[in-house]
Amino acid sequence: MTAKFSAGLELPRILPGDPAWIRRAAYLSEVFGLVARAADVRPHAYPLPALTLEVASEAVGDIDVALTAAAAADVPPRVVLYTLPAWVLKALQDVLTALRAAAVEGPADDSRLRGTLVLLGEDLDYPRCRTPAEMAADLELVVAVLELDGPAVRAAATDLALGRLRADSGAALTEVFAQWVVLGVPL
């Protein structure tokens, strides 16, 4: 287990308040945790260090828990301000890259990551078997939402952090909502 501490650049992110957008990827927390254990035992057989996989596992789990808690409030928020360390975003991007590579490798390829993902996708109790390509697609939405950055995201994050409502606050949130729609996030 890693110690959680704030070090480095913190990225303010605006996340949809309804956790439905991340629920279809929440199982990845367990998958990445199990792959991290396997990579810990055989570090040279996996394309990523175990720590990177563990960070990604904790990140997906933490975001899911934070959004579920926010949604359980008496008045669930439409958006949630989430602070994400830059190195956590980098770990998620690295895992996504490895998942994409594992998804395109043929069955004859000797990829320990692909083999582990296929086994986990078949053995874990999910509604249906998840292939490495489906796992990559599930993580893509999460990473895309976390990568959203720009003037609208920064303005909305600043307003939420300071608890203020300015004349252009609504316009910034409307722009963030439009970006989510383009990504396919249910509002």
C-alpha atoms as a PDB file:
ATOM      1  CA  MET A   1       0.000   0.000   0.000  1.00  0.00           C
ATOM      2  CA  THR A   2       1.337   3.423  -0.839  1.00  0.00           C
ATOM      3  CA  ALA A   3       1.222   6.445   1.410  1.00  0.00           C
ATOM      4  CA  LYS A   4      -0.927   9.237   0.033  1.00  0.00           C
ATOM      5  CA  PHE A   5       0.606  12.665   0.087  1.00  0.00           C
ATOM      6  CA  SER A   6       0.498  15.809  -1.981  1.00  0.00           C
ATOM      7  CA  ALA A   7       3.691  16.344  -3.866  1.00  0.00           C
ATOM      8  CA  GLY A   8       4.111  18.102  -7.142  1.00  0.00           C
ATOM      9  CA  LEU A   9       1.640  19.791  -9.388  1.00  0.00           C
ATOM     10  CA  GLU A  10      -2.020  19.499  -8.385  1.00  0.00           C
ATOM     11  CA  LEU A  11      -4.515  19.642 -11.245  1.00  0.00           C
ATOM     12  CA  PRO A  12      -7.981  20.975 -10.423  1.00  0.00           C
ATOM     13  CA  ARG A  13     -10.571  18.978 -12.348  1.00  0.00           C
ATOM     14  CA  ILE A  14     -14.301  19.334 -12.778  1.00  0.00           C
ATOM     15  CA  LEU A  15     -16.003  15.931 -12.757  1.00  0.00           C
ATOM     16  CA  PRO A  16     -19.631  15.051 -13.465  1.00  0.00           C
ATOM     17  CA  GLY A  17     -21.478  14.742 -10.153  1.00  0.00           C
ATOM     18  CA  ASP A  18     -23.400  11.675 -11.314  1.00  0.00           C
ATOM     19  CA  PRO A  19     -21.027   8.714 -10.791  1.00  0.00           C
ATOM     20  CA  ALA A  20     -22.651   6.717 -13.619  1.00  0.00           C
ATOM     21  CA  TRP A  21     -19.922   7.857 -16.023  1.00  0.00           C
ATOM     22  CA  ILE A  22     -17.188   6.157 -13.977  1.00  0.00           C
ATOM     23  CA  ARG A  23     -19.155   3.153 -12.674  1.00  0.00           C
ATOM     24  CA  ARG A  24     -18.603   1.190 -15.867  1.00  0.00           C
ATOM     25  CA  ALA A  25     -14.851   1.616 -15.308  1.00  0.00           C
ATOM     26  CA  ALA A  26     -14.815   1.172 -11.518  1.00  0.00           C
ATOM     27  CA  TYR A  27     -13.952  -2.525 -11.836  1.00  0.00           C
ATOM     28  CA  LEU A  28     -10.605  -1.439 -13.298  1.00  0.00           C
ATOM     29  CA  SER A  29      -9.477  -0.523  -9.803  1.00  0.00           C
ATOM     30  CA  GLU A  30      -9.589  -4.205  -8.888  1.00  0.00           C
ATOM     31  CA  VAL A  31      -8.076  -5.313 -12.209  1.00  0.00           C
ATOM     32  CA  PHE A  32      -5.140  -2.894 -11.951  1.00  0.00           C
ATOM     33  CA  GLY A  33      -4.556  -3.898  -8.345  1.00  0.00           C
ATOM     34  CA  LEU A  34      -4.353  -7.571  -9.304  1.00  0.00           C
ATOM     35  CA  VAL A  35      -2.097  -6.857 -12.288  1.00  0.00           C
ATOM     36  CA  ALA A  36       0.116  -4.758  -9.989  1.00  0.00           C
ATOM     37  CA  ARG A  37       0.537  -7.794  -7.712  1.00  0.00           C
ATOM     38  CA  ALA A  38       1.527  -9.914 -10.723  1.00  0.00           C
ATOM     39  CA  ALA A  39       3.949  -7.231 -11.949  1.00  0.00           C
ATOM     40  CA  ASP A  40       5.407  -7.058  -8.457  1.00  0.00           C
ATOM     41  CA  VAL A  41       6.232 -10.772  -8.607  1.00  0.00           C
ATOM     42  CA  ARG A  42       7.553 -10.712 -12.211  1.00  0.00           C
ATOM     43  CA  PRO A  43       8.613  -7.120 -12.903  1.00  0.00           C
ATOM     44  CA  HIS A  44      10.410  -7.926 -16.173  1.00  0.00           C
ATOM     45  CA  ALA A  45       7.376  -9.671 -17.657  1.00  0.00           C
ATOM     46  CA  TYR A  46       5.150  -6.571 -17.583  1.00  0.00           C
ATOM     47  CA  PRO A  47       5.487  -3.333 -19.570  1.00  0.00           C
ATOM     48  CA  LEU A  48       4.692  -1.159 -16.548  1.00  0.00           C
ATOM     49  CA  PRO A  49       6.092  -1.063 -13.031  1.00  0.00           C
ATOM     50  CA  ALA A  50       3.819  -2.396 -10.318  1.00  0.00           C
ATOM     51  CA  LEU A  51       3.731   1.046  -8.690  1.00  0.00           C
ATOM     52  CA  THR A  52       2.256   2.637 -11.826  1.00  0.00           C
ATOM     53  CA  LEU A  53      -0.478   0.010 -11.902  1.00  0.00           C
ATOM     54  CA  GLU A  54      -1.126   0.462  -8.181  1.00  0.00           C
ATOM     55  CA  VAL A  55      -1.403   4.246  -8.564  1.00  0.00           C
ATOM     56  CA  ALA A  56      -3.901   3.778 -11.409  1.00  0.00           C
ATOM     57  CA  SER A  57      -5.844   1.275  -9.308  1.00  0.00           C
ATOM     58  CA  GLU A  58      -6.085   3.659  -6.367  1.00  0.00           C
ATOM     59  CA  ALA A  59      -6.945   6.633  -8.600  1.00  0.00           C
ATOM     60  CA  VAL A  60      -9.922   4.937 -10.255  1.00  0.00           C
ATOM     61  CA  GLY A  61     -11.125   3.638  -6.898  1.00  0.00           C
ATOM     62  CA  ASP A  62     -10.700   6.993  -5.157  1.00  0.00           C
ATOM     63  CA  ILE A  63     -12.585   8.882  -7.868  1.00  0.00           C
ATOM     64  CA  ASP A  64     -15.426   6.365  -7.779  1.00  0.00           C
ATOM     65  CA  VAL A  65     -15.663   6.624  -3.970  1.00  0.00           C
ATOM     66  CA  ALA A  66     -15.546  10.450  -4.041  1.00  0.00           C
ATOM     67  CA  LEU A  67     -18.292  10.669  -6.661  1.00  0.00           C
ATOM     68  CA  THR A  68     -20.462   8.058  -4.937  1.00  0.00           C
ATOM     69  CA  ALA A  69     -20.162   9.975  -1.663  1.00  0.00           C
ATOM     70  CA  ALA A  70     -21.034  13.259  -3.379  1.00  0.00           C
ATOM     71  CA  ALA A  71     -24.046  11.664  -5.078  1.00  0.00           C
ATOM     72  CA  ALA A  72     -25.311  10.377  -1.713  1.00  0.00           C
ATOM     73  CA  ALA A  73     -25.761  13.926  -0.415  1.00  0.00           C
ATOM     74  CA  ASP A  74     -29.262  15.275   0.177  1.00  0.00           C
ATOM     75  CA  VAL A  75     -28.817  17.474  -2.885  1.00  0.00           C
ATOM     76  CA  PRO A  76     -26.347  15.735  -5.205  1.00  0.00           C
ATOM     77  CA  PRO A  77     -24.097  18.196  -7.037  1.00  0.00           C
ATOM     78  CA  ARG A  78     -24.084  18.431 -10.825  1.00  0.00           C
ATOM     79  CA  VAL A  79     -20.310  18.800 -10.738  1.00  0.00           C
ATOM     80  CA  VAL A  80     -17.556  17.865  -8.305  1.00  0.00           C
ATOM     81  CA  LEU A  81     -14.276  19.688  -7.886  1.00  0.00           C
ATOM     82  CA  TYR A  82     -11.519  17.076  -7.750  1.00  0.00           C
ATOM     83  CA  THR A  83      -7.832  17.729  -7.209  1.00  0.00           C
ATOM     84  CA  LEU A  84      -5.645  15.317  -9.134  1.00  0.00           C
ATOM     85  CA  PRO A  85      -1.865  15.154  -8.782  1.00  0.00           C
ATOM     86  CA  ALA A  86      -0.187  15.385 -12.199  1.00  0.00           C
ATOM     87  CA  TRP A  87       1.806  12.199 -11.580  1.00  0.00           C
ATOM     88  CA  VAL A  88      -1.442  10.273 -11.021  1.00  0.00           C
ATOM     89  CA  LEU A  89      -2.770  11.485 -14.379  1.00  0.00           C
ATOM     90  CA  LYS A  90       0.530  10.390 -15.948  1.00  0.00           C
ATOM     91  CA  ALA A  91       0.168   6.918 -14.395  1.00  0.00           C
ATOM     92  CA  LEU A  92      -3.362   6.602 -15.776  1.00  0.00           C
ATOM     93  CA  GLN A  93      -2.163   7.677 -19.224  1.00  0.00           C
ATOM     94  CA  ASP A  94       0.675   5.127 -19.095  1.00  0.00           C
ATOM     95  CA  VAL A  95      -1.725   2.340 -18.107  1.00  0.00           C
ATOM     96  CA  LEU A  96      -4.094   3.345 -20.909  1.00  0.00           C
ATOM     97  CA  THR A  97      -1.219   3.164 -23.407  1.00  0.00           C
ATOM     98  CA  ALA A  98      -0.279  -0.310 -22.141  1.00  0.00           C
ATOM     99  CA  LEU A  99      -3.923  -1.463 -22.323  1.00  0.00           C
ATOM    100  CA  ARG A 100      -4.198  -0.251 -25.914  1.00  0.00           C
ATOM    101  CA  ALA A 101      -1.010  -2.128 -26.824  1.00  0.00           C
ATOM    102  CA  ALA A 102      -2.272  -5.288 -25.111  1.00  0.00           C
ATOM    103  CA  ALA A 103      -5.569  -4.977 -26.966  1.00  0.00           C
ATOM    104  CA  VAL A 104      -3.958  -5.040 -30.411  1.00  0.00           C
ATOM    105  CA  GLU A 105      -1.499  -7.864 -29.787  1.00  0.00           C
ATOM    106  CA  GLY A 106      -2.457 -11.110 -31.458  1.00  0.00           C
ATOM    107  CA  PRO A 107      -3.241 -14.267 -29.510  1.00  0.00           C
ATOM    108  CA  ALA A 108       0.116 -15.741 -30.617  1.00  0.00           C
ATOM    109  CA  ASP A 109       2.030 -12.878 -28.991  1.00  0.00           C
ATOM    110  CA  ASP A 110       3.631 -13.744 -25.671  1.00  0.00           C
ATOM    111  CA  SER A 111       2.346 -10.794 -23.682  1.00  0.00           C
ATOM    112  CA  ARG A 112       2.120 -11.369 -19.965  1.00  0.00           C
ATOM    113  CA  LEU A 113      -0.058  -8.253 -19.600  1.00  0.00           C
ATOM    114  CA  ARG A 114      -2.502  -9.377 -22.281  1.00  0.00           C
ATOM    115  CA  GLY A 115      -2.679 -12.878 -20.816  1.00  0.00           C
ATOM    116  CA  THR A 116      -3.294 -11.557 -17.317  1.00  0.00           C
ATOM    117  CA  LEU A 117      -5.984  -9.154 -18.534  1.00  0.00           C
ATOM    118  CA  VAL A 118      -7.750 -11.899 -20.482  1.00  0.00           C
ATOM    119  CA  LEU A 119      -7.724 -14.176 -17.433  1.00  0.00           C
ATOM    120  CA  LEU A 120      -9.021 -11.416 -15.180  1.00  0.00           C
ATOM    121  CA  GLY A 121     -11.684 -10.413 -17.679  1.00  0.00           C
ATOM    122  CA  GLU A 122     -12.934 -13.990 -17.811  1.00  0.00           C
ATOM    123  CA  ASP A 123     -12.630 -14.844 -14.116  1.00  0.00           C
ATOM    124  CA  LEU A 124     -13.845 -11.748 -12.294  1.00  0.00           C
ATOM    125  CA  ASP A 125     -17.530 -11.513 -11.561  1.00  0.00           C
ATOM    126  CA  TYR A 126     -18.651  -8.756 -13.924  1.00  0.00           C
ATOM    127  CA  PRO A 127     -21.820  -8.614 -15.987  1.00  0.00           C
ATOM    128  CA  ARG A 128     -19.891  -9.991 -18.935  1.00  0.00           C
ATOM    129  CA  CYS A 129     -16.380 -10.872 -19.953  1.00  0.00           C
ATOM    130  CA  ARG A 130     -14.202  -7.802 -20.510  1.00  0.00           C
ATOM    131  CA  THR A 131     -11.457  -8.020 -23.129  1.00  0.00           C
ATOM    132  CA  PRO A 132      -8.303  -5.883 -22.995  1.00  0.00           C
ATOM    133  CA  ALA A 133      -9.822  -3.699 -25.754  1.00  0.00           C
ATOM    134  CA  GLU A 134     -12.988  -3.162 -23.682  1.00  0.00           C
ATOM    135  CA  MET A 135     -10.896  -2.375 -20.611  1.00  0.00           C
ATOM    136  CA  ALA A 136      -8.972   0.211 -22.641  1.00  0.00           C
ATOM    137  CA  ALA A 137     -12.232   1.743 -23.877  1.00  0.00           C
ATOM    138  CA  ASP A 138     -13.585   1.922 -20.320  1.00  0.00           C
ATOM    139  CA  LEU A 139     -10.433   3.671 -19.095  1.00  0.00           C
ATOM    140  CA  GLU A 140     -10.352   6.040 -22.087  1.00  0.00           C
ATOM    141  CA  LEU A 141     -13.436   7.924 -20.895  1.00  0.00           C
ATOM    142  CA  VAL A 142     -12.013   8.348 -17.399  1.00  0.00           C
ATOM    143  CA  VAL A 143      -8.677   9.613 -18.726  1.00  0.00           C
ATOM    144  CA  ALA A 144     -10.393  11.892 -21.259  1.00  0.00           C
ATOM    145  CA  VAL A 145     -12.463  13.557 -18.519  1.00  0.00           C
ATOM    146  CA  LEU A 146      -9.376  13.930 -16.308  1.00  0.00           C
ATOM    147  CA  GLU A 147      -7.344  15.381 -19.192  1.00  0.00           C
ATOM    148  CA  LEU A 148      -9.883  18.130 -19.863  1.00  0.00           C
ATOM    149  CA  ASP A 149      -8.113  21.372 -19.210  1.00  0.00           C
ATOM    150  CA  GLY A 150      -8.539  24.866 -20.486  1.00  0.00           C
ATOM    151  CA  PRO A 151      -9.867  28.257 -19.537  1.00  0.00           C
ATOM    152  CA  ALA A 152     -13.414  27.001 -18.912  1.00  0.00           C
ATOM    153  CA  VAL A 153     -12.285  24.154 -16.646  1.00  0.00           C
ATOM    154  CA  ARG A 154      -9.911  26.439 -14.743  1.00  0.00           C
ATOM    155  CA  ALA A 155     -12.523  29.185 -14.344  1.00  0.00           C
ATOM    156  CA  ALA A 156     -15.183  26.740 -13.136  1.00  0.00           C
ATOM    157  CA  ALA A 157     -12.707  25.042 -10.773  1.00  0.00           C
ATOM    158  CA  THR A 158     -11.642  28.386  -9.327  1.00  0.00           C
ATOM    159  CA  ASP A 159     -15.235  29.458  -8.785  1.00  0.00           C
ATOM    160  CA  LEU A 160     -16.119  26.146  -7.118  1.00  0.00           C
ATOM    161  CA  ALA A 161     -13.023  26.220  -4.908  1.00  0.00           C
ATOM    162  CA  LEU A 162     -13.744  29.755  -3.782  1.00  0.00           C
ATOM    163  CA  GLY A 163     -17.481  29.183  -3.479  1.00  0.00           C
ATOM    164  CA  ARG A 164     -18.273  32.166  -5.605  1.00  0.00           C
ATOM    165  CA  LEU A 165     -20.723  32.792  -8.373  1.00  0.00           C
ATOM    166  CA  ARG A 166     -19.673  35.245 -11.063  1.00  0.00           C
ATOM    167  CA  ALA A 167     -21.454  36.402 -14.180  1.00  0.00           C
ATOM    168  CA  ASP A 168     -19.392  34.088 -16.401  1.00  0.00           C
ATOM    169  CA  SER A 169     -19.481  31.070 -14.049  1.00  0.00           C
ATOM    170  CA  GLY A 170     -22.478  29.614 -15.849  1.00  0.00           C
ATOM    171  CA  ALA A 171     -20.813  30.067 -19.229  1.00  0.00           C
ATOM    172  CA  ALA A 172     -17.705  28.211 -18.031  1.00  0.00           C
ATOM    173  CA  LEU A 173     -19.755  25.290 -16.722  1.00  0.00           C
ATOM    174  CA  THR A 174     -21.822  25.212 -19.917  1.00  0.00           C
ATOM    175  CA  GLU A 175     -18.599  24.889 -21.905  1.00  0.00           C
ATOM    176  CA  VAL A 176     -17.401  22.076 -19.619  1.00  0.00           C
ATOM    177  CA  PHE A 177     -20.773  20.301 -20.076  1.00  0.00           C
ATOM    178  CA  ALA A 178     -20.407  20.639 -23.860  1.00  0.00           C
ATOM    179  CA  GLN A 179     -16.939  19.050 -23.664  1.00  0.00           C
ATOM    180  CA  TRP A 180     -18.390  16.150 -21.659  1.00  0.00           C
ATOM    181  CA  VAL A 181     -21.127  15.626 -24.243  1.00  0.00           C
ATOM    182  CA  VAL A 182     -18.485  15.409 -26.980  1.00  0.00           C
ATOM    183  CA  LEU A 183     -16.671  12.758 -24.910  1.00  0.00           C
ATOM    184  CA  GLY A 184     -19.903  10.786 -24.414  1.00  0.00           C
ATOM    185  CA  VAL A 185     -20.319  11.451 -20.696  1.00  0.00           C
ATOM    186  CA  PRO A 186     -23.962  11.068 -19.651  1.00  0.00           C
ATOM    187  CA  LEU A 187     -25.243  14.261 -18.017  1.00  0.00           C
END
